[in-house]
Amino acid sequence: MSESNTPRRIIPILLQGRVAVAAGNGLEFRHALPLSLYVHIPWCVQKCPYCDFNSHEARGGIPEAEYIAALIADLESALPLVWGRKVSSIFFGGGTPSLLSGEALDQLLTAIRMRLPLLPEAEITLEANPGTVEADKFAAFRAAGINRLSLGIQSFNPAHLKALGRIHDGDEARRAIEIAAAHFDNFNLDLMYGLPGQTLCEALHDVETALAFAPTHLSCYQLTLEPNTAFAARPPELPESDICADMQEAIEARLAAAGFTHYETSAFAQPGRQCRHNLNYWTFGDYLGIGAGAHGKLTLHDGKHWEVRRQMRWKQPKQYLAQIAQATPVQEEFSVEAGDLPFEFMMNALRLNEGFEPDLFAMRTSLPLIAIESELRRAEQQGLIERQLQRIAPTLQGQRFLNRLLELFMSAQD
């Protein structure tokens, strides 16, 4: 589980005809969308039993030089799609991006800067694991240009870390945070709750331990058993749902008391420290994804017509490298149907506890808000959203039952 994985979870497969729009209502985007860059590093030391992301055990090391060259070639092949657009954030996700050397990361970031214009205040995040080897690299990562670190702590409890299949222990986690704090003034800690055998007090103890290091951001996820994982094949015994709900409420209350804003389903930030890269996902901005299995969403105009295009790179690292050699990094791409854009927008924007401004819907979909008026009305009648002149937001009930809320926007038919 990692911070960048939230947006990848909410990238939907194409959903045909979910929301009705007026016949002949073509796309016409009148506002420039922000652009982010996602870079996927697919290797990790050991596959965690709960992980359903595109990660592969790095047996015998990783082909670092070959992969960096492939990423640069991948980026160059995509430049015609984003030419002239400025990048507001970069996120290195995985896998375990901190397996890269500081020199390799510096080479890659230099190549990116030479090819894409970055905003001066661009947020550049790297996911890292708290093992000792990676922790020693933090100074090099900072020197390369990383200005935000995201550490996959998950827990400080040795028994829970063992149950999760993590390769670090509590002491290594603490040491990694100390080193991170020495080099970064902006860092996130990932925590999980609802772990096998975990009590409410133990979940809160993890939160208290994390707070002692003064992070600027915390991502707190409930452990879920995802398909095609080791945990799905051999499910561990997890706390009862009522206990997990108590953990969630207690964590939210404790972080609020500590001055954190609960701004997204699993994300908590100190004032002004929200993850800007993930906010771009949740507000339905554009993002280019490069690297094995990376997803992208780009709003394009060919001089006559607009389209919202989704892409996915080849997933298996060896296959990806082979396809790069043939200048064909993209495995799948398609244009999102206009009738699917409202659902995709809502599936992202309703993760934000403060919701969104009504004008944003038209800016990011090119469709009028009236296209989903009946769905909004039903959601409001069921107490799942509240509507104000300048804000549409999920209620607390809508936040707790987000899937139920989103189903309302899937139910309409052409």
Protein backbone atom coordinates (compact mmCIF):
# COMPACT_ATOMS: atom_id res chain seq x y z
CA MET A 1 0.00 0.00 0.00
CA SER A 2 1.37 3.37 -0.91
CA GLU A 3 0.25 6.96 -1.21
CA SER A 4 0.21 7.05 -5.01
CA ASN A 5 -1.83 3.89 -5.20
CA THR A 6 -5.02 5.71 -4.23
CA PRO A 7 -5.36 7.38 -7.63
CA ARG A 8 -4.48 4.24 -9.44
CA ARG A 9 -7.28 2.45 -7.61
CA ILE A 10 -9.79 4.99 -8.85
CA ILE A 11 -8.83 4.95 -12.51
CA PRO A 12 -11.85 3.13 -13.96
CA ILE A 13 -12.04 0.78 -16.88
CA LEU A 14 -14.12 2.28 -19.65
CA LEU A 15 -17.75 2.24 -18.56
CA GLN A 16 -20.15 2.32 -21.45
CA GLY A 17 -23.06 4.73 -21.38
CA ARG A 18 -23.30 5.32 -17.63
CA VAL A 19 -24.67 8.86 -17.69
CA ALA A 20 -26.96 10.28 -20.32
CA VAL A 21 -25.98 13.42 -22.18
CA ALA A 22 -27.83 15.33 -24.84
CA ALA A 23 -27.54 13.92 -28.35
CA GLY A 24 -24.87 15.66 -30.38
CA ASN A 25 -23.26 17.21 -27.31
CA GLY A 26 -19.64 17.15 -28.46
CA LEU A 27 -16.67 17.92 -26.26
CA GLU A 28 -15.25 21.43 -26.22
CA PHE A 29 -12.78 22.28 -23.48
CA ARG A 30 -12.45 26.00 -22.90
CA HIS A 31 -10.09 25.88 -19.93
CA ALA A 32 -6.59 24.43 -19.84
CA LEU A 33 -6.30 21.41 -17.56
CA PRO A 34 -3.36 21.03 -15.19
CA LEU A 35 -0.84 18.34 -16.13
CA SER A 36 1.07 15.96 -13.86
CA LEU A 37 3.64 13.27 -14.62
CA TYR A 38 3.53 9.82 -13.03
CA VAL A 39 6.62 7.58 -13.25
CA HIS A 40 6.25 3.92 -12.32
CA ILE A 41 9.14 1.89 -10.91
CA PRO A 42 7.82 -1.71 -10.88
CA TRP A 43 10.30 -3.53 -8.65
CA CYS A 44 10.33 -4.21 -4.92
CA VAL A 45 12.50 -6.34 -2.65
CA GLN A 46 9.57 -8.58 -1.70
CA LYS A 47 5.94 -8.64 -2.81
CA CYS A 48 3.64 -7.86 0.11
CA PRO A 49 0.71 -10.29 0.50
CA TYR A 50 -1.90 -7.50 0.43
CA CYS A 51 -0.49 -5.70 -2.63
CA ASP A 52 -2.46 -5.82 -5.89
CA PHE A 53 -0.38 -3.22 -7.71
CA ASN A 54 2.06 -3.69 -10.56
CA SER A 55 5.09 -4.69 -8.51
CA HIS A 56 7.61 -7.45 -9.11
CA GLU A 57 10.28 -8.90 -6.85
CA ALA A 58 13.75 -7.71 -7.85
CA ARG A 59 15.57 -11.03 -7.85
CA GLY A 60 19.23 -10.39 -8.57
CA GLY A 61 18.88 -6.63 -8.76
CA ILE A 62 17.12 -4.35 -11.21
CA PRO A 63 18.22 -3.31 -14.73
CA GLU A 64 18.60 0.28 -13.59
CA ALA A 65 20.47 1.80 -16.54
CA GLU A 66 18.26 0.04 -19.10
CA TYR A 67 15.09 1.10 -17.32
CA ILE A 68 16.13 4.75 -16.97
CA ALA A 69 16.91 4.83 -20.68
CA ALA A 70 13.51 3.23 -21.38
CA LEU A 71 11.70 5.84 -19.28
CA ILE A 72 13.40 8.64 -21.17
CA ALA A 73 12.47 7.04 -24.50
CA ASP A 74 8.90 6.54 -23.26
CA LEU A 75 8.67 10.22 -22.32
CA GLU A 76 10.07 11.33 -25.66
CA SER A 77 7.49 9.24 -27.53
CA ALA A 78 4.72 11.00 -25.60
CA LEU A 79 5.96 14.56 -26.02
CA PRO A 80 3.74 15.33 -29.05
CA LEU A 81 0.70 14.72 -26.81
CA VAL A 82 1.75 17.27 -24.16
CA TRP A 83 3.94 19.67 -26.10
CA GLY A 84 4.08 23.13 -24.55
CA ARG A 85 2.12 22.16 -21.42
CA LYS A 86 3.69 22.88 -18.04
CA VAL A 87 3.94 20.13 -15.45
CA SER A 88 2.71 20.94 -11.95
CA SER A 89 3.84 17.76 -10.19
CA ILE A 90 5.83 14.55 -10.63
CA PHE A 91 5.22 11.37 -8.65
CA PHE A 92 7.58 8.39 -8.60
CA GLY A 93 5.47 5.41 -7.52
CA GLY A 94 5.85 1.67 -7.46
CA GLY A 95 6.85 -0.89 -6.56
CA THR A 96 9.66 0.70 -4.61
CA PRO A 97 11.14 3.73 -6.40
CA SER A 98 13.73 4.12 -3.66
CA LEU A 99 15.48 1.03 -5.06
CA LEU A 100 16.88 3.41 -7.66
CA SER A 101 20.25 4.96 -6.94
CA GLY A 102 20.55 8.66 -6.35
CA GLU A 103 22.60 8.93 -9.53
CA ALA A 104 19.92 7.23 -11.63
CA LEU A 105 17.19 9.43 -10.21
CA ASP A 106 19.27 12.53 -10.88
CA GLN A 107 19.80 11.40 -14.48
CA LEU A 108 16.08 10.81 -14.95
CA LEU A 109 14.98 14.10 -13.42
CA THR A 110 17.53 15.98 -15.51
CA ALA A 111 16.15 14.31 -18.64
CA ILE A 112 12.59 15.18 -17.63
CA ARG A 113 13.48 18.84 -17.04
CA MET A 114 15.17 19.02 -20.44
CA ARG A 115 12.02 17.75 -22.17
CA LEU A 116 9.11 19.11 -20.13
CA PRO A 117 8.67 22.59 -18.65
CA LEU A 118 8.13 22.26 -14.91
CA LEU A 119 6.40 24.94 -12.89
CA PRO A 120 8.86 26.62 -10.50
CA GLU A 121 6.91 25.33 -7.50
CA ALA A 122 6.40 21.83 -8.93
CA GLU A 123 5.88 19.15 -6.29
CA ILE A 124 8.18 16.15 -6.89
CA THR A 125 7.36 13.12 -4.73
CA LEU A 126 9.22 9.84 -4.34
CA GLU A 127 7.80 6.78 -2.60
CA ALA A 128 10.33 5.03 -0.37
CA ASN A 129 10.48 2.01 1.87
CA PRO A 130 12.06 2.40 5.30
CA GLY A 131 14.67 -0.34 4.95
CA THR A 132 18.17 0.76 5.94
CA VAL A 133 19.59 0.58 2.42
CA GLU A 134 16.99 2.99 1.03
CA ALA A 135 17.19 5.32 4.02
CA ASP A 136 20.89 5.95 3.37
CA LYS A 137 19.97 7.34 -0.06
CA PHE A 138 17.65 10.10 1.16
CA ALA A 139 20.29 12.82 0.95
CA ALA A 140 21.00 11.86 -2.67
CA PHE A 141 17.31 11.90 -3.51
CA ARG A 142 16.96 15.41 -2.11
CA ALA A 143 20.02 16.60 -4.02
CA ALA A 144 18.53 15.16 -7.23
CA GLY A 145 15.47 17.38 -6.86
CA ILE A 146 12.94 15.34 -4.89
CA ASN A 147 11.15 17.80 -2.59
CA ARG A 148 8.56 15.49 -1.04
CA LEU A 149 9.04 11.97 0.34
CA SER A 150 6.36 9.36 1.00
CA LEU A 151 7.40 6.59 3.38
CA GLY A 152 5.54 3.26 3.44
CA ILE A 153 5.61 2.70 7.19
CA GLN A 154 2.24 0.87 7.55
CA SER A 155 2.87 0.09 11.25
CA PHE A 156 5.51 0.34 13.96
CA ASN A 157 4.39 -2.89 15.62
CA PRO A 158 6.78 -5.80 14.88
CA ALA A 159 4.03 -8.42 14.93
CA HIS A 160 1.83 -6.45 12.56
CA LEU A 161 4.73 -5.69 10.20
CA LYS A 162 5.51 -9.41 10.08
CA ALA A 163 1.87 -10.23 9.36
CA LEU A 164 1.93 -7.71 6.49
CA GLY A 165 5.06 -9.25 5.01
CA ARG A 166 7.04 -6.03 5.38
CA ILE A 167 10.83 -6.27 5.22
CA HIS A 168 11.48 -3.55 7.82
CA ASP A 169 10.95 -3.52 11.57
CA GLY A 170 9.77 -0.76 13.88
CA ASP A 171 13.28 0.48 14.64
CA GLU A 172 14.13 0.75 10.94
CA ALA A 173 10.90 2.66 10.39
CA ARG A 174 11.77 5.17 13.10
CA ARG A 175 15.31 5.59 11.82
CA ALA A 176 14.10 6.12 8.25
CA ILE A 177 11.70 8.84 9.38
CA GLU A 178 14.44 10.59 11.31
CA ILE A 179 16.68 10.61 8.23
CA ALA A 180 13.79 11.72 6.01
CA ALA A 181 12.98 14.59 8.37
CA ALA A 182 16.61 15.70 8.27
CA HIS A 183 16.49 16.14 4.49
CA PHE A 184 12.85 16.91 3.69
CA ASP A 185 10.52 19.50 5.18
CA ASN A 186 7.57 17.86 3.42
CA PHE A 187 7.00 14.15 3.91
CA ASN A 188 4.11 11.70 4.10
CA LEU A 189 3.82 8.58 6.22
CA ASP A 190 1.60 5.70 5.10
CA LEU A 191 -0.19 3.85 7.89
CA MET A 192 -2.64 0.95 7.76
CA TYR A 193 -5.25 -0.12 10.28
CA GLY A 194 -7.60 -3.07 10.59
CA LEU A 195 -4.56 -5.35 10.59
CA PRO A 196 -4.60 -9.02 11.61
CA GLY A 197 -4.92 -9.17 15.39
CA GLN A 198 -4.80 -5.38 15.78
CA THR A 199 -6.68 -3.66 18.59
CA LEU A 200 -8.02 -0.12 18.68
CA CYS A 201 -5.30 0.89 21.13
CA GLU A 202 -2.59 -0.54 18.86
CA ALA A 203 -3.95 1.33 15.85
CA LEU A 204 -3.92 4.59 17.80
CA HIS A 205 -0.42 3.86 19.09
CA ASP A 206 0.83 3.72 15.50
CA VAL A 207 -0.77 7.11 14.88
CA GLU A 208 0.76 8.59 18.04
CA THR A 209 4.18 7.26 17.09
CA ALA A 210 3.87 8.80 13.63
CA LEU A 211 2.75 12.16 15.02
CA ALA A 212 5.84 12.31 17.22
CA PHE A 213 7.93 12.78 14.06
CA ALA A 214 5.88 15.83 12.94
CA PRO A 215 5.01 14.66 9.42
CA THR A 216 3.29 17.14 7.13
CA HIS A 217 0.97 14.48 5.71
CA LEU A 218 -0.47 11.12 6.77
CA SER A 219 -2.23 8.54 4.61
CA CYS A 220 -4.28 6.14 6.73
CA TYR A 221 -5.80 3.14 4.96
CA GLN A 222 -7.90 0.27 6.19
CA LEU A 223 -6.44 -3.06 5.10
CA THR A 224 -8.63 -4.65 2.45
CA LEU A 225 -8.27 -8.06 0.85
CA GLU A 226 -7.87 -7.41 -2.85
CA PRO A 227 -8.33 -10.03 -5.59
CA ASN A 228 -5.24 -11.75 -6.99
CA THR A 229 -3.18 -11.27 -3.84
CA ALA A 230 -1.69 -13.74 -1.39
CA PHE A 231 -4.10 -12.49 1.29
CA ALA A 232 -7.05 -13.15 -1.02
CA ALA A 233 -5.87 -16.73 -1.53
CA ARG A 234 -5.17 -17.27 2.19
CA PRO A 235 -7.20 -14.66 4.07
CA PRO A 236 -5.90 -13.66 7.50
CA GLU A 237 -8.30 -13.07 10.36
CA LEU A 238 -9.06 -9.37 10.47
CA PRO A 239 -10.80 -7.27 13.14
CA GLU A 240 -14.59 -7.09 12.95
CA SER A 241 -16.03 -4.33 10.79
CA ASP A 242 -17.38 -2.49 13.85
CA ILE A 243 -13.90 -2.43 15.37
CA CYS A 244 -12.43 -1.13 12.11
CA ALA A 245 -15.10 1.60 12.06
CA ASP A 246 -14.11 2.54 15.62
CA MET A 247 -10.47 2.68 14.52
CA GLN A 248 -11.35 4.96 11.62
CA GLU A 249 -13.33 7.36 13.78
CA ALA A 250 -10.68 7.42 16.50
CA ILE A 251 -7.89 8.07 13.99
CA GLU A 252 -9.85 10.88 12.37
CA ALA A 253 -10.55 12.48 15.75
CA ARG A 254 -6.93 12.21 16.89
CA LEU A 255 -5.54 13.70 13.69
CA ALA A 256 -8.07 16.53 13.78
CA ALA A 257 -6.93 17.33 17.32
CA ALA A 258 -3.34 17.36 16.03
CA GLY A 259 -4.20 20.01 13.43
CA PHE A 260 -4.54 17.77 10.38
CA THR A 261 -7.25 18.37 7.79
CA HIS A 262 -9.01 15.21 6.60
CA TYR A 263 -9.27 16.35 2.99
CA GLU A 264 -9.69 13.04 1.15
CA THR A 265 -10.96 9.55 1.97
CA SER A 266 -7.61 8.36 3.37
CA ALA A 267 -5.52 11.53 3.35
CA PHE A 268 -4.74 13.95 6.19
CA ALA A 269 -2.55 17.05 5.88
CA GLN A 270 -1.18 19.93 7.85
CA PRO A 271 -2.45 23.30 6.52
CA GLY A 272 -1.22 23.88 2.98
CA ARG A 273 0.45 20.46 2.78
CA GLN A 274 -2.10 18.49 0.77
CA CYS A 275 -0.55 16.26 -1.87
CA ARG A 276 -0.85 18.40 -4.99
CA HIS A 277 -0.21 15.50 -7.33
CA ASN A 278 -3.07 13.46 -5.90
CA LEU A 279 -5.31 16.53 -5.81
CA ASN A 280 -4.84 16.74 -9.56
CA TYR A 281 -6.15 13.18 -9.87
CA TRP A 282 -9.12 13.87 -7.61
CA THR A 283 -10.05 17.07 -9.42
CA PHE A 284 -9.90 15.19 -12.74
CA GLY A 285 -6.84 16.92 -14.15
CA ASP A 286 -4.60 15.41 -16.80
CA TYR A 287 -1.61 13.19 -16.16
CA LEU A 288 0.93 11.46 -18.33
CA GLY A 289 2.03 8.07 -17.05
CA ILE A 290 5.33 6.49 -18.09
CA GLY A 291 6.93 3.25 -16.97
CA ALA A 292 5.75 -0.36 -16.82
CA GLY A 293 1.98 -0.53 -16.30
CA ALA A 294 1.58 3.24 -15.88
CA HIS A 295 -1.82 4.76 -16.63
CA GLY A 296 -2.45 8.18 -18.14
CA LYS A 297 -5.35 10.52 -18.89
CA LEU A 298 -4.85 13.29 -21.42
CA THR A 299 -7.22 15.87 -22.90
CA LEU A 300 -6.28 16.28 -26.56
CA HIS A 301 -7.28 18.46 -29.50
CA ASP A 302 -6.34 17.62 -33.09
CA GLY A 303 -7.34 21.00 -34.47
CA LYS A 304 -10.93 19.92 -35.07
CA HIS A 305 -12.05 17.60 -32.29
CA TRP A 306 -11.47 17.15 -28.59
CA GLU A 307 -10.99 13.82 -26.85
CA VAL A 308 -10.13 12.50 -23.41
CA ARG A 309 -7.69 9.67 -23.98
CA ARG A 310 -6.68 6.99 -21.48
CA GLN A 311 -3.47 5.03 -21.92
CA MET A 312 -1.82 2.09 -20.22
CA ARG A 313 1.81 1.07 -20.73
CA TRP A 314 2.86 -2.57 -21.00
CA LYS A 315 2.65 -4.06 -17.53
CA GLN A 316 5.40 -6.68 -17.27
CA PRO A 317 8.84 -5.05 -16.94
CA LYS A 318 10.52 -7.32 -19.49
CA GLN A 319 7.68 -6.82 -21.97
CA TYR A 320 7.76 -3.08 -21.38
CA LEU A 321 11.49 -2.91 -22.08
CA ALA A 322 11.05 -4.99 -25.23
CA GLN A 323 8.24 -2.75 -26.46
CA ILE A 324 10.29 0.37 -25.76
CA ALA A 325 12.95 -1.05 -28.06
CA GLN A 326 10.25 -1.18 -30.75
CA ALA A 327 9.02 2.35 -29.91
CA THR A 328 5.61 0.98 -28.83
CA PRO A 329 5.35 1.58 -25.04
CA VAL A 330 1.55 1.88 -25.00
CA GLN A 331 -0.35 -1.41 -24.65
CA GLU A 332 -3.88 0.03 -24.54
CA GLU A 333 -5.46 3.39 -25.28
CA PHE A 334 -8.97 4.58 -25.94
CA SER A 335 -11.07 7.72 -26.06
CA VAL A 336 -13.45 8.07 -23.13
CA GLU A 337 -17.04 8.39 -24.29
CA ALA A 338 -18.67 11.71 -23.43
CA GLY A 339 -21.36 9.87 -21.49
CA ASP A 340 -18.75 8.27 -19.24
CA LEU A 341 -16.98 11.49 -18.26
CA PRO A 342 -19.50 12.53 -15.57
CA PHE A 343 -19.11 9.25 -13.68
CA GLU A 344 -15.33 9.33 -13.97
CA PHE A 345 -15.29 12.91 -12.67
CA MET A 346 -17.56 12.10 -9.74
CA MET A 347 -15.66 8.94 -8.84
CA ASN A 348 -12.61 11.11 -8.27
CA ALA A 349 -14.07 14.39 -6.99
CA LEU A 350 -16.37 12.80 -4.41
CA ARG A 351 -13.34 11.38 -2.62
CA LEU A 352 -12.65 14.96 -1.53
CA ASN A 353 -14.39 15.65 1.77
CA GLU A 354 -14.89 19.31 0.86
CA GLY A 355 -16.20 18.31 -2.56
CA PHE A 356 -15.83 20.58 -5.56
CA GLU A 357 -17.03 23.84 -7.02
CA PRO A 358 -19.89 23.27 -9.51
CA ASP A 359 -18.01 25.09 -12.28
CA LEU A 360 -15.21 22.53 -12.06
CA PHE A 361 -17.48 19.83 -13.48
CA ALA A 362 -17.88 21.68 -16.79
CA MET A 363 -14.22 22.72 -16.86
CA ARG A 364 -13.00 19.12 -16.54
CA THR A 365 -15.66 17.29 -18.58
CA SER A 366 -16.82 20.07 -21.00
CA LEU A 367 -20.38 19.00 -20.10
CA PRO A 368 -23.04 21.04 -18.29
CA LEU A 369 -23.77 20.11 -14.69
CA ILE A 370 -27.40 19.57 -15.67
CA ALA A 371 -26.24 16.32 -17.32
CA ILE A 372 -26.23 14.74 -13.85
CA GLU A 373 -28.93 16.84 -12.18
CA SER A 374 -31.22 13.88 -11.54
CA GLU A 375 -28.39 11.89 -9.96
CA LEU A 376 -27.37 14.85 -7.80
CA ARG A 377 -30.96 15.29 -6.66
CA ARG A 378 -31.25 11.62 -5.65
CA ALA A 379 -27.95 11.78 -3.78
CA GLU A 380 -29.13 14.88 -1.93
CA GLN A 381 -32.48 13.31 -1.07
CA GLN A 382 -30.68 10.28 0.37
CA GLY A 383 -28.48 12.50 2.54
CA LEU A 384 -25.28 11.54 0.72
CA ILE A 385 -24.32 14.99 -0.59
CA GLU A 386 -25.03 18.59 0.27
CA ARG A 387 -25.28 21.33 -2.31
CA GLN A 388 -24.48 24.96 -1.79
CA LEU A 389 -24.09 27.76 -4.31
CA GLN A 390 -20.33 27.28 -4.60
CA ARG A 391 -19.86 23.74 -3.36
CA ILE A 392 -21.06 20.16 -3.90
CA ALA A 393 -19.70 17.86 -1.22
CA PRO A 394 -20.34 14.45 0.28
CA THR A 395 -21.95 14.47 3.71
CA LEU A 396 -20.40 12.42 6.48
CA GLN A 397 -22.80 9.65 5.50
CA GLY A 398 -21.68 10.02 1.88
CA GLN A 399 -18.06 9.75 2.96
CA ARG A 400 -18.76 6.63 4.98
CA PHE A 401 -20.80 5.02 2.18
CA LEU A 402 -18.87 6.32 -0.81
CA ASN A 403 -19.52 3.27 -2.99
CA ARG A 404 -23.25 3.64 -2.44
CA LEU A 405 -23.00 7.30 -3.42
CA LEU A 406 -21.03 6.55 -6.58
CA GLU A 407 -23.51 3.87 -7.62
CA LEU A 408 -26.08 6.62 -8.12
CA PHE A 409 -23.93 8.04 -10.91
CA MET A 410 -23.54 4.64 -12.53
CA SER A 411 -27.26 3.90 -12.63
CA ALA A 412 -28.34 6.29 -15.39
CA GLN A 413 -28.67 4.87 -18.89
CA ASP A 414 -28.50 6.49 -22.29
